[in-house]
PDB file of N, CA and C in Angstrom:
ATOM      1  N   MET A   1     -52.448  35.385 -46.343  1.00  0.00           N
ATOM      2  CA  MET A   1     -52.496  34.056 -45.681  1.00  0.00           C
ATOM      3  C   MET A   1     -51.277  33.321 -45.850  1.00  0.00           C
ATOM      4  N   GLN A   2     -50.753  32.731 -44.907  1.00  0.00           N
ATOM      5  CA  GLN A   2     -49.612  31.850 -45.041  1.00  0.00           C
ATOM      6  C   GLN A   2     -50.014  30.410 -45.016  1.00  0.00           C
ATOM      7  N   ALA A   3     -49.387  29.647 -45.948  1.00  0.00           N
ATOM      8  CA  ALA A   3     -49.683  28.303 -46.295  1.00  0.00           C
ATOM      9  C   ALA A   3     -48.842  27.481 -45.124  1.00  0.00           C
ATOM     10  N   LYS A   4     -49.485  26.520 -44.575  1.00  0.00           N
ATOM     11  CA  LYS A   4     -48.881  25.439 -43.688  1.00  0.00           C
ATOM     12  C   LYS A   4     -47.727  24.742 -44.375  1.00  0.00           C
ATOM     13  N   ALA A   5     -46.665  24.601 -43.641  1.00  0.00           N
ATOM     14  CA  ALA A   5     -45.636  23.696 -44.392  1.00  0.00           C
ATOM     15  C   ALA A   5     -45.955  22.242 -44.114  1.00  0.00           C
ATOM     16  N   MET A   6     -45.801  21.582 -45.048  1.00  0.00           N
ATOM     17  CA  MET A   6     -46.211  20.143 -45.058  1.00  0.00           C
ATOM     18  C   MET A   6     -45.001  19.363 -44.531  1.00  0.00           C
ATOM     19  N   SER A   7     -45.120  18.536 -43.410  1.00  0.00           N
ATOM     20  CA  SER A   7     -44.171  17.696 -42.804  1.00  0.00           C
ATOM     21  C   SER A   7     -44.087  16.384 -43.602  1.00  0.00           C
ATOM     22  N   SER A   8     -42.794  15.963 -43.790  1.00  0.00           N
ATOM     23  CA  SER A   8     -42.707  14.711 -44.581  1.00  0.00           C
ATOM     24  C   SER A   8     -42.741  13.488 -43.564  1.00  0.00           C
ATOM     25  N   SER A   9     -42.760  13.780 -42.162  1.00  0.00           N
ATOM     26  CA  SER A   9     -42.876  12.677 -41.327  1.00  0.00           C
ATOM     27  C   SER A   9     -44.351  12.319 -41.084  1.00  0.00           C
ATOM     28  N   PRO A  10     -44.595  10.936 -40.805  1.00  0.00           N
ATOM     29  CA  PRO A  10     -46.008  10.693 -40.452  1.00  0.00           C
ATOM     30  C   PRO A  10     -46.427  11.109 -39.244  1.00  0.00           C
ATOM     31  N   PRO A  11     -47.838  11.467 -38.887  1.00  0.00           N
ATOM     32  CA  PRO A  11     -48.331  11.874 -37.673  1.00  0.00           C
ATOM     33  C   PRO A  11     -48.082  10.896 -36.576  1.00  0.00           C
ATOM     34  N   MET A  12     -47.775  11.356 -35.389  1.00  0.00           N
ATOM     35  CA  MET A  12     -47.445  10.491 -34.385  1.00  0.00           C
ATOM     36  C   MET A  12     -48.618  10.581 -33.331  1.00  0.00           C
ATOM     37  N   CYS A  13     -48.831   9.589 -32.548  1.00  0.00           N
ATOM     38  CA  CYS A  13     -49.881   9.667 -31.595  1.00  0.00           C
ATOM     39  C   CYS A  13     -49.185   9.282 -30.170  1.00  0.00           C
ATOM     40  N   ARG A  14     -49.633   9.958 -29.081  1.00  0.00           N
ATOM     41  CA  ARG A  14     -49.199   9.629 -27.763  1.00  0.00           C
ATOM     42  C   ARG A  14     -50.002   8.725 -27.213  1.00  0.00           C
ATOM     43  N   LEU A  15     -49.675   7.567 -26.661  1.00  0.00           N
ATOM     44  CA  LEU A  15     -50.632   6.574 -26.037  1.00  0.00           C
ATOM     45  C   LEU A  15     -51.069   7.187 -24.697  1.00  0.00           C
ATOM     46  N   PRO A  16     -52.339   7.039 -24.368  1.00  0.00           N
ATOM     47  CA  PRO A  16     -52.913   7.588 -23.261  1.00  0.00           C
ATOM     48  C   PRO A  16     -52.078   7.172 -21.867  1.00  0.00           C
ATOM     49  N   GLY A  17     -51.843   8.118 -21.012  1.00  0.00           N
ATOM     50  CA  GLY A  17     -51.177   7.775 -19.758  1.00  0.00           C
ATOM     51  C   GLY A  17     -49.684   7.486 -19.860  1.00  0.00           C
ATOM     52  N   ALA A  18     -49.001   7.623 -21.130  1.00  0.00           N
ATOM     53  CA  ALA A  18     -47.767   7.374 -21.421  1.00  0.00           C
ATOM     54  C   ALA A  18     -46.809   8.632 -21.185  1.00  0.00           C
ATOM     55  N   ALA A  19     -45.842   8.386 -20.399  1.00  0.00           N
ATOM     56  CA  ALA A  19     -44.990   9.616 -20.265  1.00  0.00           C
ATOM     57  C   ALA A  19     -43.784   9.627 -21.345  1.00  0.00           C
ATOM     58  N   SER A  20     -43.843   8.488 -22.093  1.00  0.00           N
ATOM     59  CA  SER A  20     -42.730   8.153 -23.264  1.00  0.00           C
ATOM     60  C   SER A  20     -43.076   9.191 -24.354  1.00  0.00           C
ATOM     61  N   PRO A  21     -41.970   9.198 -25.360  1.00  0.00           N
ATOM     62  CA  PRO A  21     -42.219   9.873 -26.588  1.00  0.00           C
ATOM     63  C   PRO A  21     -43.348   9.333 -27.440  1.00  0.00           C
ATOM     64  N   PRO A  22     -43.786  10.059 -28.402  1.00  0.00           N
ATOM     65  CA  PRO A  22     -44.926   9.646 -29.223  1.00  0.00           C
ATOM     66  C   PRO A  22     -44.694   8.250 -29.893  1.00  0.00           C
ATOM     67  N   VAL A  23     -45.595   7.648 -30.133  1.00  0.00           N
ATOM     68  CA  VAL A  23     -45.506   6.245 -30.830  1.00  0.00           C
ATOM     69  C   VAL A  23     -46.346   6.218 -32.114  1.00  0.00           C
ATOM     70  N   ALA A  24     -45.696   5.780 -33.098  1.00  0.00           N
ATOM     71  CA  ALA A  24     -46.373   5.664 -34.448  1.00  0.00           C
ATOM     72  C   ALA A  24     -46.804   4.114 -34.483  1.00  0.00           C
ATOM     73  N   LEU A  25     -48.017   3.968 -34.860  1.00  0.00           N
ATOM     74  CA  LEU A  25     -48.558   2.533 -35.217  1.00  0.00           C
ATOM     75  C   LEU A  25     -48.801   2.416 -36.588  1.00  0.00           C
ATOM     76  N   VAL A  26     -48.096   1.469 -37.301  1.00  0.00           N
ATOM     77  CA  VAL A  26     -48.199   1.400 -38.791  1.00  0.00           C
ATOM     78  C   VAL A  26     -48.551   0.093 -39.240  1.00  0.00           C
ATOM     79  N   THR A  27     -49.434   0.092 -40.203  1.00  0.00           N
ATOM     80  CA  THR A  27     -49.773  -1.350 -40.826  1.00  0.00           C
ATOM     81  C   THR A  27     -49.756  -1.202 -42.332  1.00  0.00           C
ATOM     82  N   GLY A  28     -49.354  -2.326 -42.938  1.00  0.00           N
ATOM     83  CA  GLY A  28     -49.402  -2.239 -44.339  1.00  0.00           C
ATOM     84  C   GLY A  28     -50.716  -2.657 -45.017  1.00  0.00           C
ATOM     85  N   PRO A  29     -50.874  -2.683 -46.377  1.00  0.00           N
ATOM     86  CA  PRO A  29     -52.222  -2.898 -46.979  1.00  0.00           C
ATOM     87  C   PRO A  29     -52.708  -4.233 -46.754  1.00  0.00           C
ATOM     88  N   THR A  30     -51.797  -5.295 -46.422  1.00  0.00           N
ATOM     89  CA  THR A  30     -52.312  -6.622 -46.085  1.00  0.00           C
ATOM     90  C   THR A  30     -52.385  -7.073 -44.614  1.00  0.00           C
ATOM     91  N   GLY A  31     -52.361  -6.039 -43.808  1.00  0.00           N
ATOM     92  CA  GLY A  31     -52.511  -6.122 -42.311  1.00  0.00           C
ATOM     93  C   GLY A  31     -51.176  -6.380 -41.598  1.00  0.00           C
ATOM     94  N   ARG A  32     -50.129  -6.335 -42.240  1.00  0.00           N
ATOM     95  CA  ARG A  32     -48.893  -6.546 -41.552  1.00  0.00           C
ATOM     96  C   ARG A  32     -48.574  -5.351 -40.734  1.00  0.00           C
ATOM     97  N   VAL A  33     -48.188  -5.550 -39.456  1.00  0.00           N
ATOM     98  CA  VAL A  33     -47.825  -4.470 -38.549  1.00  0.00           C
ATOM     99  C   VAL A  33     -46.387  -4.200 -38.640  1.00  0.00           C
ATOM    100  N   PHE A  34     -45.847  -3.012 -38.792  1.00  0.00           N
ATOM    101  CA  PHE A  34     -44.605  -2.612 -38.826  1.00  0.00           C
ATOM    102  C   PHE A  34     -44.066  -2.025 -37.568  1.00  0.00           C
ATOM    103  N   ASP A  35     -42.982  -2.302 -36.935  1.00  0.00           N
ATOM    104  CA  ASP A  35     -42.546  -1.661 -35.742  1.00  0.00           C
ATOM    105  C   ASP A  35     -41.001  -1.297 -35.913  1.00  0.00           C
ATOM    106  N   LYS A  36     -40.369  -1.106 -34.859  1.00  0.00           N
ATOM    107  CA  LYS A  36     -38.915  -0.522 -35.011  1.00  0.00           C
ATOM    108  C   LYS A  36     -38.121  -1.763 -35.554  1.00  0.00           C
ATOM    109  N   ALA A  37     -38.421  -2.883 -35.228  1.00  0.00           N
ATOM    110  CA  ALA A  37     -37.612  -4.067 -35.503  1.00  0.00           C
ATOM    111  C   ALA A  37     -37.622  -4.447 -37.038  1.00  0.00           C
ATOM    112  N   ASN A  38     -38.745  -4.117 -37.721  1.00  0.00           N
ATOM    113  CA  ASN A  38     -38.974  -4.558 -39.039  1.00  0.00           C
ATOM    114  C   ASN A  38     -39.166  -3.400 -40.124  1.00  0.00           C
ATOM    115  N   ILE A  39     -39.403  -2.164 -39.694  1.00  0.00           N
ATOM    116  CA  ILE A  39     -39.574  -1.169 -40.647  1.00  0.00           C
ATOM    117  C   ILE A  39     -38.371  -0.854 -41.596  1.00  0.00           C
ATOM    118  N   GLY A  40     -37.224  -0.932 -40.917  1.00  0.00           N
ATOM    119  CA  GLY A  40     -36.037  -0.728 -41.647  1.00  0.00           C
ATOM    120  C   GLY A  40     -35.887  -1.565 -42.961  1.00  0.00           C
ATOM    121  N   LEU A  41     -36.133  -2.834 -42.795  1.00  0.00           N
ATOM    122  CA  LEU A  41     -35.985  -3.946 -43.781  1.00  0.00           C
ATOM    123  C   LEU A  41     -37.114  -3.601 -44.791  1.00  0.00           C
ATOM    124  N   ALA A  42     -38.351  -3.302 -44.389  1.00  0.00           N
ATOM    125  CA  ALA A  42     -39.436  -3.192 -45.374  1.00  0.00           C
ATOM    126  C   ALA A  42     -39.278  -1.833 -46.153  1.00  0.00           C
ATOM    127  N   SER A  43     -38.656  -0.855 -45.566  1.00  0.00           N
ATOM    128  CA  SER A  43     -38.376   0.389 -46.335  1.00  0.00           C
ATOM    129  C   SER A  43     -37.109   0.172 -47.181  1.00  0.00           C
ATOM    130  N   ALA A  44     -36.240  -0.671 -46.927  1.00  0.00           N
ATOM    131  CA  ALA A  44     -35.078  -0.979 -47.656  1.00  0.00           C
ATOM    132  C   ALA A  44     -35.524  -1.840 -49.021  1.00  0.00           C
ATOM    133  N   MET A  45     -36.487  -2.730 -48.764  1.00  0.00           N
ATOM    134  CA  MET A  45     -36.930  -3.574 -49.848  1.00  0.00           C
ATOM    135  C   MET A  45     -37.954  -2.765 -50.735  1.00  0.00           C
ATOM    136  N   ARG A  46     -38.613  -1.866 -50.230  1.00  0.00           N
ATOM    137  CA  ARG A  46     -39.514  -0.930 -50.938  1.00  0.00           C
ATOM    138  C   ARG A  46     -38.607  -0.114 -51.993  1.00  0.00           C
ATOM    139  N   ASP A  47     -37.491   0.409 -51.400  1.00  0.00           N
ATOM    140  CA  ASP A  47     -36.491   1.262 -52.218  1.00  0.00           C
ATOM    141  C   ASP A  47     -35.952   0.481 -53.159  1.00  0.00           C
ATOM    142  N   LEU A  48     -35.430  -0.713 -52.785  1.00  0.00           N
ATOM    143  CA  LEU A  48     -34.731  -1.712 -53.757  1.00  0.00           C
ATOM    144  C   LEU A  48     -35.660  -1.993 -54.944  1.00  0.00           C
ATOM    145  N   GLY A  49     -36.963  -2.275 -54.613  1.00  0.00           N
ATOM    146  CA  GLY A  49     -37.956  -2.559 -55.769  1.00  0.00           C
ATOM    147  C   GLY A  49     -38.135  -1.377 -56.615  1.00  0.00           C
ATOM    148  N   ALA A  50     -38.243  -0.275 -56.029  1.00  0.00           N
ATOM    149  CA  ALA A  50     -38.314   0.982 -56.896  1.00  0.00           C
ATOM    150  C   ALA A  50     -37.135   1.146 -57.722  1.00  0.00           C
ATOM    151  N   HIS A  51     -35.910   0.914 -57.324  1.00  0.00           N
ATOM    152  CA  HIS A  51     -34.751   1.110 -58.070  1.00  0.00           C
ATOM    153  C   HIS A  51     -34.779   0.109 -59.174  1.00  0.00           C
ATOM    154  N   LEU A  52     -35.110  -1.189 -58.865  1.00  0.00           N
ATOM    155  CA  LEU A  52     -35.149  -2.180 -60.007  1.00  0.00           C
ATOM    156  C   LEU A  52     -36.105  -1.908 -61.078  1.00  0.00           C
ATOM    157  N   ARG A  53     -37.264  -1.421 -60.647  1.00  0.00           N
ATOM    158  CA  ARG A  53     -38.269  -0.934 -61.689  1.00  0.00           C
ATOM    159  C   ARG A  53     -37.787   0.135 -62.411  1.00  0.00           C
ATOM    160  N   GLU A  54     -37.046   1.269 -61.903  1.00  0.00           N
ATOM    161  CA  GLU A  54     -36.574   2.282 -62.726  1.00  0.00           C
ATOM    162  C   GLU A  54     -35.560   1.938 -63.658  1.00  0.00           C
ATOM    163  N   THR A  55     -34.660   1.029 -63.349  1.00  0.00           N
ATOM    164  CA  THR A  55     -33.687   0.570 -64.286  1.00  0.00           C
ATOM    165  C   THR A  55     -34.131  -0.628 -65.174  1.00  0.00           C
ATOM    166  N   GLY A  56     -35.286  -0.991 -65.172  1.00  0.00           N
ATOM    167  CA  GLY A  56     -35.932  -1.946 -66.044  1.00  0.00           C
ATOM    168  C   GLY A  56     -35.551  -3.381 -65.792  1.00  0.00           C
ATOM    169  N   GLU A  57     -34.775  -3.635 -64.524  1.00  0.00           N
ATOM    170  CA  GLU A  57     -34.592  -4.974 -64.144  1.00  0.00           C
ATOM    171  C   GLU A  57     -35.798  -5.778 -63.685  1.00  0.00           C
ATOM    172  N   SER A  58     -36.789  -5.010 -63.240  1.00  0.00           N
ATOM    173  CA  SER A  58     -37.842  -5.753 -62.797  1.00  0.00           C
ATOM    174  C   SER A  58     -39.174  -5.095 -63.383  1.00  0.00           C
ATOM    175  N   LYS A  59     -40.174  -5.782 -63.771  1.00  0.00           N
ATOM    176  CA  LYS A  59     -41.415  -5.252 -64.315  1.00  0.00           C
ATOM    177  C   LYS A  59     -42.310  -4.802 -63.050  1.00  0.00           C
ATOM    178  N   GLY A  60     -41.990  -5.286 -61.863  1.00  0.00           N
ATOM    179  CA  GLY A  60     -42.936  -4.823 -60.814  1.00  0.00           C
ATOM    180  C   GLY A  60     -44.193  -5.287 -60.659  1.00  0.00           C
ATOM    181  N   TYR A  61     -44.470  -6.589 -61.157  1.00  0.00           N
ATOM    182  CA  TYR A  61     -45.727  -7.195 -61.056  1.00  0.00           C
ATOM    183  C   TYR A  61     -46.145  -7.500 -59.561  1.00  0.00           C
ATOM    184  N   ASN A  62     -47.156  -7.042 -59.008  1.00  0.00           N
ATOM    185  CA  ASN A  62     -47.350  -7.359 -57.578  1.00  0.00           C
ATOM    186  C   ASN A  62     -48.752  -8.284 -57.675  1.00  0.00           C
ATOM    187  N   ALA A  63     -48.914  -9.006 -56.657  1.00  0.00           N
ATOM    188  CA  ALA A  63     -50.051  -9.724 -56.466  1.00  0.00           C
ATOM    189  C   ALA A  63     -51.247  -8.829 -56.323  1.00  0.00           C
ATOM    190  N   SER A  64     -52.557  -9.092 -56.746  1.00  0.00           N
ATOM    191  CA  SER A  64     -53.582  -8.276 -56.626  1.00  0.00           C
ATOM    192  C   SER A  64     -54.052  -8.150 -55.203  1.00  0.00           C
ATOM    193  N   PHE A  65     -54.784  -7.040 -54.835  1.00  0.00           N
ATOM    194  CA  PHE A  65     -55.281  -6.946 -53.521  1.00  0.00           C
ATOM    195  C   PHE A  65     -56.618  -7.750 -53.407  1.00  0.00           C
ATOM    196  N   THR A  66     -56.551  -8.775 -52.494  1.00  0.00           N
ATOM    197  CA  THR A  66     -57.667  -9.811 -52.379  1.00  0.00           C
ATOM    198  C   THR A  66     -58.642  -9.426 -51.269  1.00  0.00           C
ATOM    199  N   GLY A  67     -59.782 -10.023 -51.309  1.00  0.00           N
ATOM    200  CA  GLY A  67     -60.652  -9.818 -50.056  1.00  0.00           C
ATOM    201  C   GLY A  67     -60.031 -10.237 -48.790  1.00  0.00           C
ATOM    202  N   ARG A  68     -59.272 -11.292 -48.738  1.00  0.00           N
ATOM    203  CA  ARG A  68     -58.465 -11.670 -47.558  1.00  0.00           C
ATOM    204  C   ARG A  68     -57.487 -10.622 -47.033  1.00  0.00           C
ATOM    205  N   ASP A  69     -56.828  -9.887 -48.009  1.00  0.00           N
ATOM    206  CA  ASP A  69     -55.974  -8.721 -47.700  1.00  0.00           C
ATOM    207  C   ASP A  69     -56.775  -7.635 -47.049  1.00  0.00           C
ATOM    208  N   ARG A  70     -57.930  -7.225 -47.623  1.00  0.00           N
ATOM    209  CA  ARG A  70     -58.666  -6.257 -47.146  1.00  0.00           C
ATOM    210  C   ARG A  70     -59.268  -6.410 -45.704  1.00  0.00           C
ATOM    211  N   SER A  71     -59.646  -7.857 -45.527  1.00  0.00           N
ATOM    212  CA  SER A  71     -60.202  -8.191 -44.243  1.00  0.00           C
ATOM    213  C   SER A  71     -59.090  -8.102 -43.164  1.00  0.00           C
ATOM    214  N   ALA A  72     -57.923  -8.691 -43.505  1.00  0.00           N
ATOM    215  CA  ALA A  72     -56.655  -8.581 -42.564  1.00  0.00           C
ATOM    216  C   ALA A  72     -56.434  -7.133 -42.312  1.00  0.00           C
ATOM    217  N   PHE A  73     -56.387  -6.370 -43.264  1.00  0.00           N
ATOM    218  CA  PHE A  73     -56.033  -4.786 -43.039  1.00  0.00           C
ATOM    219  C   PHE A  73     -57.017  -4.288 -42.192  1.00  0.00           C
ATOM    220  N   LEU A  74     -58.288  -4.493 -42.300  1.00  0.00           N
ATOM    221  CA  LEU A  74     -59.324  -3.751 -41.486  1.00  0.00           C
ATOM    222  C   LEU A  74     -59.286  -4.282 -40.174  1.00  0.00           C
ATOM    223  N   GLU A  75     -59.053  -5.642 -39.946  1.00  0.00           N
ATOM    224  CA  GLU A  75     -58.883  -6.162 -38.541  1.00  0.00           C
ATOM    225  C   GLU A  75     -57.729  -5.672 -37.718  1.00  0.00           C
ATOM    226  N   THR A  76     -56.594  -5.424 -38.534  1.00  0.00           N
ATOM    227  CA  THR A  76     -55.427  -4.900 -37.851  1.00  0.00           C
ATOM    228  C   THR A  76     -55.580  -3.360 -37.587  1.00  0.00           C
ATOM    229  N   LEU A  77     -56.355  -2.722 -38.418  1.00  0.00           N
ATOM    230  CA  LEU A  77     -56.494  -1.145 -38.215  1.00  0.00           C
ATOM    231  C   LEU A  77     -57.356  -1.105 -36.949  1.00  0.00           C
ATOM    232  N   ASP A  78     -58.350  -1.869 -36.946  1.00  0.00           N
ATOM    233  CA  ASP A  78     -59.405  -1.774 -35.823  1.00  0.00           C
ATOM    234  C   ASP A  78     -58.582  -2.135 -34.510  1.00  0.00           C
ATOM    235  N   ARG A  79     -57.844  -3.176 -34.531  1.00  0.00           N
ATOM    236  CA  ARG A  79     -57.011  -3.492 -33.313  1.00  0.00           C
ATOM    237  C   ARG A  79     -56.058  -2.420 -32.940  1.00  0.00           C
ATOM    238  N   LEU A  80     -55.341  -1.789 -33.900  1.00  0.00           N
ATOM    239  CA  LEU A  80     -54.451  -0.628 -33.592  1.00  0.00           C
ATOM    240  C   LEU A  80     -55.224   0.518 -32.930  1.00  0.00           C
ATOM    241  N   CYS A  81     -56.341   0.762 -33.635  1.00  0.00           N
ATOM    242  CA  CYS A  81     -57.289   1.968 -33.067  1.00  0.00           C
ATOM    243  C   CYS A  81     -57.729   1.677 -31.626  1.00  0.00           C
ATOM    244  N   ARG A  82     -58.090   0.481 -31.399  1.00  0.00           N
ATOM    245  CA  ARG A  82     -58.577   0.123 -30.022  1.00  0.00           C
ATOM    246  C   ARG A  82     -57.276   0.102 -29.036  1.00  0.00           C
ATOM    247  N   GLN A  83     -56.084  -0.198 -29.534  1.00  0.00           N
ATOM    248  CA  GLN A  83     -54.947  -0.056 -28.718  1.00  0.00           C
ATOM    249  C   GLN A  83     -54.574   1.346 -28.291  1.00  0.00           C
ATOM    250  N   VAL A  84     -54.720   2.378 -29.244  1.00  0.00           N
ATOM    251  CA  VAL A  84     -54.480   3.665 -28.909  1.00  0.00           C
ATOM    252  C   VAL A  84     -55.478   4.295 -28.012  1.00  0.00           C
ATOM    253  N   LYS A  85     -56.818   3.797 -28.053  1.00  0.00           N
ATOM    254  CA  LYS A  85     -57.851   4.436 -27.108  1.00  0.00           C
ATOM    255  C   LYS A  85     -57.656   3.997 -25.838  1.00  0.00           C
ATOM    256  N   ARG A  86     -57.016   2.953 -25.401  1.00  0.00           N
ATOM    257  CA  ARG A  86     -56.882   2.393 -24.093  1.00  0.00           C
ATOM    258  C   ARG A  86     -56.049   3.367 -23.306  1.00  0.00           C
TER     259      ARG A  86
END
């Protein structure tokens, strides 16, 4: 039996009726939606934070995940799922 190779890229979805290339819909844990305009900055900030934690320059204390964050995430996830279904 051959094992499937794991892809490092996230799964893509094709919007119904679209002849365009696949579209990825991405949300963060607090409900923030990422798109082509802001994903680069978010990724760069994540990498910078990881680097600062590795070098000891930052302790990396993050705010705790609140009920408001959970609610915002679930609302955004629901909205994105409905968007894909259309």
